[in-house]
C-alpha cells in the first residue's frame, strides 16, 4: 500500500515528542533520516570515492545533530537488479533515495513507485533519467570538457595526434563526457583523433585495449580519457617502450602516483581533472535539506575541480594506489552554493 513516508515519520516523531513531554520524561531522541544509496557497481576508484564522500557527509551531519543513516546497495552493473533494489528500498520505507542510474529509461517505473510512496529520488553521477519526477544533480560536463581540452590545447599549442579512450559504452554520463570533449575539440581543428577505444572506466581494460592497438598507431602526442583510464594507458605505452604522451590524470591514487613518478624521473608535467566523486557528499546534503523542509531545485549542477601538479606534490604525495581524491562539500556550502538557500 502506497503511503507518504516523510509525512508519516514527521507525524510519528511529533506524536512521540508530545507524549514524552506530557509524561514528563526525557527529551525525545533526534529523528533519523534513512537514505538509500543505489550504486551501479563498486569496481573502480571513482565509485569508491563517491561512496566514501557520501559516508563522510552522513557522519558530518550526524555529528551536528541530523542523525543520518545510509543504506547502500550495489547493482553490479545490471539495470534489472537496480530496479529490484529501488523497489526494495521503497518497500523498506527509506526517507530518500540517491540513485546512480544504469539506464535513463528502464528505472522510470521504480522511480514512480518511490515518489508515489512519498520518497524523493535524486539521480546523480552516472547521468539523469527521463522521468521528470526525479531530482537531478549532475556533474558539469561542459566545464569538464572546457578544462580538460583547454589544458591539452594550451600545452600542445592546439596541435597533435590524439588517442581517445572512452568510458563505458552505452552509458549516458559517458556519452555526455564524450560530447563535451568533442564540443571543446571543435575549437582546435589541428588536434586529430587517430584512434578510439573503450576503456570501460577500468585501468586494466584500458591498458589491454590500448596495448592491442598501439602497434598499429602513428605517433601519438595526446591521450584523451575519462578519469581512471589514464594509468592504464600510460602502462601500455611504457610496456611498449614508448614515452607516455601528454594526458590529463584522474583522481585515483594510481593515477596520482604515476604522474608524480613520471615527473620525478623525467620532468613530465600534467594535472588532475575529473568529474568529482565528492558529488556523493553533495547528494547526501541535498537529501537532508529536502527532508528538513528546504526547497530544493529539481535540477542542480556540481562543479569540476582541477588539481595542479604542485598541489598533488604538496597535499597528496604518498596516497595509496587504492585511494581516491574527492572534495569534501559540507552542508552549509551545499545550501549556499548548490541549493541557493538563504
Protein backbone atom coordinates (compact mmCIF):
# COMPACT_ATOMS: atom_id res chain seq x y z
CA UNK A 1 0.00 0.00 0.00
CA UNK A 2 1.42 3.33 -1.03
CA UNK A 3 1.95 5.80 1.77
CA UNK A 4 3.69 9.11 2.35
CA UNK A 5 6.68 8.02 4.37
CA UNK A 6 8.01 11.53 5.02
CA UNK A 7 4.72 12.78 6.44
CA UNK A 8 4.23 9.58 8.40
CA UNK A 9 7.66 9.82 10.02
CA UNK A 10 7.20 13.52 10.85
CA UNK A 11 3.77 12.85 12.35
CA UNK A 12 5.11 9.93 14.39
CA UNK A 13 8.03 11.98 15.69
CA UNK A 14 5.74 14.85 16.68
CA UNK A 15 3.32 12.48 18.41
CA UNK A 16 6.06 10.78 20.40
CA UNK A 17 7.57 14.13 21.36
CA UNK A 18 4.21 15.36 22.67
CA UNK A 19 3.62 12.13 24.57
CA UNK A 20 7.07 12.29 26.15
CA UNK A 21 6.59 15.89 27.17
CA UNK A 22 3.19 15.17 28.76
CA UNK A 23 4.66 12.25 30.66
CA UNK A 24 7.45 14.43 31.99
CA UNK A 25 10.06 12.03 30.56
CA UNK A 26 13.39 12.73 28.90
CA UNK A 27 13.62 14.59 25.59
CA UNK A 28 12.94 12.50 22.50
CA UNK A 29 15.99 11.32 20.58
CA UNK A 30 16.65 13.20 17.34
CA UNK A 31 14.80 11.93 14.28
CA UNK A 32 16.73 9.64 11.96
CA UNK A 33 16.93 10.29 8.21
CA UNK A 34 17.30 6.97 6.38
CA UNK A 35 18.75 7.45 2.88
CA UNK A 36 19.04 4.67 0.33
CA UNK A 37 22.10 4.91 -1.93
CA UNK A 38 21.69 2.85 -5.10
CA UNK A 39 25.15 2.48 -6.63
CA UNK A 40 25.74 0.90 -10.06
CA UNK A 41 28.91 -1.01 -9.16
CA UNK A 42 31.84 -0.65 -6.79
CA UNK A 43 34.61 -1.92 -9.03
CA UNK A 44 36.59 1.27 -9.59
CA UNK A 45 38.17 4.02 -7.54
CA UNK A 46 35.71 6.68 -8.61
CA UNK A 47 32.75 4.76 -7.25
CA UNK A 48 34.60 4.01 -4.03
CA UNK A 49 35.29 7.72 -3.71
CA UNK A 50 31.62 8.56 -4.31
CA UNK A 51 30.56 6.22 -1.52
CA UNK A 52 33.31 7.48 0.81
CA UNK A 53 32.15 11.07 0.20
CA UNK A 54 28.54 10.12 0.93
CA UNK A 55 29.55 8.36 4.14
CA UNK A 56 31.67 11.35 5.18
CA UNK A 57 28.74 13.74 4.68
CA UNK A 58 26.43 11.46 6.66
CA UNK A 59 28.92 11.34 9.55
CA UNK A 60 29.37 15.13 9.47
CA UNK A 61 25.63 15.72 9.53
CA UNK A 62 25.12 13.17 12.30
CA UNK A 63 27.80 14.88 14.37
CA UNK A 64 25.81 18.11 14.02
CA UNK A 65 22.57 16.53 15.19
CA UNK A 66 20.90 15.31 11.99
CA UNK A 67 21.27 11.52 12.65
CA UNK A 68 21.71 10.26 9.07
CA UNK A 69 21.80 6.57 8.17
CA UNK A 70 22.78 5.28 4.71
CA UNK A 71 21.54 2.01 3.26
CA UNK A 72 23.86 1.19 0.34
CA UNK A 73 23.04 -1.29 -2.43
CA UNK A 74 25.21 -2.33 -5.39
CA UNK A 75 23.59 -3.38 -8.69
CA UNK A 76 26.81 -4.92 -10.06
CA UNK A 77 26.21 -3.21 -13.42
CA UNK A 78 22.76 -4.76 -14.03
CA UNK A 79 19.78 -2.38 -14.62
CA UNK A 80 17.24 -5.09 -13.72
CA UNK A 81 18.98 -5.63 -10.39
CA UNK A 82 18.89 -1.88 -9.80
CA UNK A 83 15.13 -1.77 -10.49
CA UNK A 84 14.58 -4.50 -7.90
CA UNK A 85 16.80 -2.70 -5.40
CA UNK A 86 14.89 0.56 -5.85
CA UNK A 87 11.60 -1.23 -5.27
CA UNK A 88 13.03 -2.92 -2.18
CA UNK A 89 14.20 0.42 -0.77
CA UNK A 90 10.71 1.78 -1.34
CA UNK A 91 9.15 -1.17 0.49
CA UNK A 92 11.62 -0.70 3.35
CA UNK A 93 10.29 2.83 3.73
CA UNK A 94 13.51 4.79 3.43
CA UNK A 95 13.10 8.56 3.53
CA UNK A 96 15.09 9.39 0.40
CA UNK A 97 16.84 7.56 -2.45
CA UNK A 98 20.10 8.64 -4.11
CA UNK A 99 20.37 6.84 -7.44
CA UNK A 100 23.26 6.43 -9.85
CA UNK A 101 21.14 5.19 -12.76
CA UNK A 102 22.35 2.40 -15.02
CA UNK A 103 19.68 3.39 -17.56
CA UNK A 104 17.98 6.68 -18.36
CA UNK A 105 14.63 4.97 -19.06
CA UNK A 106 14.46 1.49 -17.50
CA UNK A 107 14.26 2.80 -13.92
CA UNK A 108 11.35 5.18 -14.50
CA UNK A 109 8.71 2.81 -13.15
CA UNK A 110 10.65 2.14 -9.95
CA UNK A 111 11.15 5.89 -9.53
CA UNK A 112 7.38 6.39 -9.93
CA UNK A 113 6.78 3.81 -7.18
CA UNK A 114 9.13 5.60 -4.79
CA UNK A 115 7.79 9.08 -5.46
CA UNK A 116 4.19 7.86 -5.11
CA UNK A 117 5.18 6.47 -1.71
CA UNK A 118 6.42 9.93 -0.68
CA UNK A 119 10.10 9.09 -1.15
CA UNK A 120 12.06 11.69 -3.16
CA UNK A 121 14.57 10.27 -5.65
CA UNK A 122 17.74 12.09 -6.72
CA UNK A 123 19.72 10.91 -9.74
CA UNK A 124 23.41 11.73 -9.98
CA UNK A 125 26.91 10.76 -11.16
CA UNK A 126 26.05 8.34 -14.00
CA UNK A 127 23.57 10.75 -15.57
CA UNK A 128 19.92 11.68 -15.36
CA UNK A 129 16.73 9.81 -16.22
CA UNK A 130 13.80 10.75 -18.44
CA UNK A 131 11.36 10.63 -15.51
CA UNK A 132 10.71 14.31 -14.61
CA UNK A 133 9.76 13.36 -11.04
CA UNK A 134 13.40 12.69 -10.13
CA UNK A 135 15.62 15.44 -8.76
CA UNK A 136 18.73 15.78 -10.94
CA UNK A 137 22.20 16.55 -9.54
CA UNK A 138 24.60 16.26 -12.44
CA UNK A 139 28.27 16.93 -12.92
CA UNK A 140 29.09 19.90 -15.14
CA UNK A 141 30.38 18.04 -18.17
CA UNK A 142 30.62 21.25 -20.21
CA UNK A 143 33.03 22.61 -17.60
CA UNK A 144 34.88 19.28 -17.62
CA UNK A 145 35.31 19.40 -21.40
CA UNK A 146 36.47 23.02 -21.38
CA UNK A 147 39.02 22.50 -18.60
CA UNK A 148 40.28 19.17 -19.93
CA UNK A 149 40.64 20.08 -23.59
CA UNK A 150 41.71 23.62 -22.73
CA UNK A 151 44.66 22.31 -20.74
CA UNK A 152 45.65 19.91 -23.52
CA UNK A 153 45.43 22.66 -26.14
CA UNK A 154 47.44 25.09 -24.02
CA UNK A 155 50.23 22.54 -23.57
CA UNK A 156 50.36 21.44 -27.23
CA UNK A 157 49.62 24.71 -29.00
CA UNK A 158 46.35 23.15 -30.18
CA UNK A 159 48.09 20.55 -32.37
CA UNK A 160 48.78 16.81 -32.27
CA UNK A 161 47.59 13.25 -32.83
CA UNK A 162 45.25 12.04 -30.10
CA UNK A 163 44.19 8.58 -28.94
CA UNK A 164 40.70 8.78 -27.46
CA UNK A 165 39.86 6.33 -24.66
CA UNK A 166 36.15 6.40 -23.97
CA UNK A 167 34.37 5.08 -20.87
CA UNK A 168 31.58 2.52 -20.52
CA UNK A 169 29.73 2.04 -23.80
CA UNK A 170 26.04 2.95 -23.76
CA UNK A 171 26.17 4.92 -20.51
CA UNK A 172 24.53 8.36 -20.50
CA UNK A 173 27.31 10.00 -18.47
CA UNK A 174 29.97 8.51 -20.76
CA UNK A 175 28.22 9.98 -23.79
CA UNK A 176 27.82 13.35 -22.07
CA UNK A 177 31.56 13.48 -21.32
CA UNK A 178 32.44 12.46 -24.87
CA UNK A 179 30.09 15.10 -26.30
CA UNK A 180 31.69 17.75 -24.08
CA UNK A 181 35.16 16.78 -25.30
CA UNK A 182 34.08 16.92 -28.94
CA UNK A 183 32.48 20.35 -28.48
CA UNK A 184 35.68 21.69 -26.95
CA UNK A 185 37.88 19.99 -29.57
CA UNK A 186 35.97 21.86 -32.29
CA UNK A 187 37.95 24.95 -31.26
CA UNK A 188 41.21 23.12 -32.06
CA UNK A 189 40.92 21.52 -35.52
CA UNK A 190 44.61 20.63 -35.54
CA UNK A 191 44.14 18.12 -32.71
CA UNK A 192 43.31 14.96 -34.65
CA UNK A 193 41.80 11.82 -33.08
CA UNK A 194 43.68 8.99 -34.82
CA UNK A 195 42.06 6.08 -32.96
CA UNK A 196 39.40 5.35 -30.34
CA UNK A 197 38.83 2.53 -27.86
CA UNK A 198 36.54 1.93 -24.89
CA UNK A 199 38.29 1.54 -21.54
CA UNK A 200 35.12 0.77 -19.53
CA UNK A 201 36.30 3.17 -16.77
CA UNK A 202 38.70 0.43 -15.75
CA UNK A 203 42.51 0.68 -15.60
CA UNK A 204 43.20 -2.92 -16.62
CA UNK A 205 40.73 -2.88 -19.51
CA UNK A 206 42.16 0.42 -20.77
CA UNK A 207 45.70 -0.95 -20.61
CA UNK A 208 44.77 -4.12 -22.52
CA UNK A 209 42.86 -2.33 -25.26
CA UNK A 210 45.46 0.37 -25.77
CA UNK A 211 48.22 -2.25 -25.87
CA UNK A 212 46.32 -4.21 -28.54
CA UNK A 213 46.10 -1.27 -30.96
CA UNK A 214 49.36 0.52 -30.13
CA UNK A 215 51.47 -1.25 -32.81
CA UNK A 216 49.04 0.00 -35.49
CA UNK A 217 49.06 3.65 -34.45
CA UNK A 218 51.09 6.54 -35.83
CA UNK A 219 52.92 8.82 -33.42
CA UNK A 220 50.59 9.68 -30.53
CA UNK A 221 51.08 13.09 -28.91
CA UNK A 222 47.98 13.15 -26.71
CA UNK A 223 45.81 10.64 -24.88
CA UNK A 224 42.25 11.69 -24.07
CA UNK A 225 40.45 9.63 -21.45
CA UNK A 226 37.74 9.65 -18.82
CA UNK A 227 39.43 9.51 -15.43
CA UNK A 228 40.81 6.14 -14.39
CA UNK A 229 41.94 5.12 -17.90
CA UNK A 230 44.99 7.38 -17.72
CA UNK A 231 47.01 4.95 -15.59
CA UNK A 232 46.21 2.00 -17.85
CA UNK A 233 47.06 3.95 -20.99
CA UNK A 234 50.41 5.04 -19.56
CA UNK A 235 51.27 1.46 -18.60
CA UNK A 236 50.54 0.29 -22.14
CA UNK A 237 52.91 2.90 -23.61
CA UNK A 238 55.63 2.12 -21.06
CA UNK A 239 55.36 -1.63 -21.68
CA UNK A 240 55.80 -0.97 -25.41
CA UNK A 241 58.96 1.04 -24.73
CA UNK A 242 57.32 4.29 -25.79
CA UNK A 243 57.17 7.61 -23.97
CA UNK A 244 53.91 8.42 -22.20
CA UNK A 245 52.07 11.08 -24.25
CA UNK A 246 50.57 14.15 -22.68
CA UNK A 247 47.36 13.22 -20.88
CA UNK A 248 45.25 14.54 -18.04
CA UNK A 249 45.10 12.28 -14.98
CA UNK A 250 42.21 11.20 -12.79
CA UNK A 251 41.75 11.43 -9.02
CA UNK A 252 42.56 7.86 -8.04
CA UNK A 253 45.83 7.09 -6.25
CA UNK A 254 47.27 5.02 -9.09
CA UNK A 255 46.93 7.97 -11.48
CA UNK A 256 48.33 10.49 -9.00
CA UNK A 257 51.28 8.31 -8.02
CA UNK A 258 52.19 7.56 -11.64
CA UNK A 259 52.10 11.25 -12.55
CA UNK A 260 54.37 12.09 -9.60
CA UNK A 261 56.73 9.24 -10.54
CA UNK A 262 56.95 10.37 -14.16
CA UNK A 263 57.58 13.93 -13.05
CA UNK A 264 60.39 12.86 -10.69
CA UNK A 265 62.08 10.75 -13.39
CA UNK A 266 61.83 12.98 -16.43
CA UNK A 267 60.10 16.24 -15.56
CA UNK A 268 56.86 15.06 -17.19
CA UNK A 269 54.09 17.52 -16.30
CA UNK A 270 50.30 17.36 -16.19
CA UNK A 271 47.32 17.97 -13.93
CA UNK A 272 44.40 16.01 -12.49
CA UNK A 273 40.97 16.99 -13.82
CA UNK A 274 37.96 14.76 -13.39
CA UNK A 275 34.31 14.63 -12.51
CA UNK A 276 34.47 14.74 -8.73
CA UNK A 277 33.48 11.72 -6.60
CA UNK A 278 32.77 14.32 -3.92
CA UNK A 279 29.36 14.71 -5.56
CA UNK A 280 28.42 11.88 -3.17
CA UNK A 281 28.64 14.34 -0.28
CA UNK A 282 26.55 16.87 -2.20
CA UNK A 283 23.86 14.25 -2.80
CA UNK A 284 23.58 13.40 0.89
CA UNK A 285 23.47 17.08 1.82
CA UNK A 286 20.68 17.71 -0.71
CA UNK A 287 18.74 14.75 0.65
CA UNK A 288 18.91 16.05 4.21
CA UNK A 289 17.99 19.58 3.11
CA UNK A 290 14.92 18.23 1.29
CA UNK A 291 13.88 16.12 4.26
CA UNK A 292 14.38 19.14 6.54
CA UNK A 293 11.79 21.12 4.60
CA UNK A 294 14.15 23.22 2.47
CA UNK A 295 13.03 23.91 -1.10
CA UNK A 296 15.45 22.03 -3.36
CA UNK A 297 15.70 22.75 -7.11
CA UNK A 298 14.76 19.89 -9.41
CA UNK A 299 17.95 20.45 -11.43
CA UNK A 300 21.41 21.19 -9.97
CA UNK A 301 24.95 21.10 -11.37
CA UNK A 302 28.08 20.11 -9.42
CA UNK A 303 31.45 21.82 -10.08
CA UNK A 304 34.56 20.26 -11.69
CA UNK A 305 37.83 20.67 -9.74
CA UNK A 306 41.32 20.90 -11.25
CA UNK A 307 44.31 19.85 -9.13
CA UNK A 308 47.74 21.14 -10.15
CA UNK A 309 50.97 19.16 -10.07
CA UNK A 310 52.19 21.39 -7.24
CA UNK A 311 49.07 20.61 -5.20
CA UNK A 312 49.48 16.90 -5.85
CA UNK A 313 53.10 17.04 -4.68
CA UNK A 314 52.36 19.04 -1.54
CA UNK A 315 48.95 17.77 -0.46
CA UNK A 316 48.58 14.28 -1.88
CA UNK A 317 52.03 12.70 -2.04
CA UNK A 318 52.04 9.20 -0.57
CA UNK A 319 48.47 8.27 -1.48
CA UNK A 320 47.74 4.58 -1.65
CA UNK A 321 47.00 3.42 -5.19
CA UNK A 322 43.57 2.34 -3.96
CA UNK A 323 42.72 5.78 -2.55
CA UNK A 324 40.73 8.38 -4.47
CA UNK A 325 40.76 12.17 -4.21
CA UNK A 326 37.45 13.93 -3.71
CA UNK A 327 36.28 17.32 -2.49
CA UNK A 328 34.51 17.49 0.88
CA UNK A 329 31.40 19.60 0.37
CA UNK A 330 29.82 20.37 3.72
CA UNK A 331 26.14 21.06 4.39
CA UNK A 332 26.44 24.84 4.63
CA UNK A 333 28.42 25.03 1.37
CA UNK A 334 25.76 22.94 -0.33
CA UNK A 335 22.93 25.14 0.93
CA UNK A 336 24.63 28.33 -0.23
CA UNK A 337 26.32 27.34 -3.46
CA UNK A 338 24.27 24.47 -4.86
CA UNK A 339 20.74 24.78 -3.49
CA UNK A 340 20.75 28.57 -3.18
CA UNK A 341 19.02 28.54 0.20
CA UNK A 342 19.10 31.74 2.24
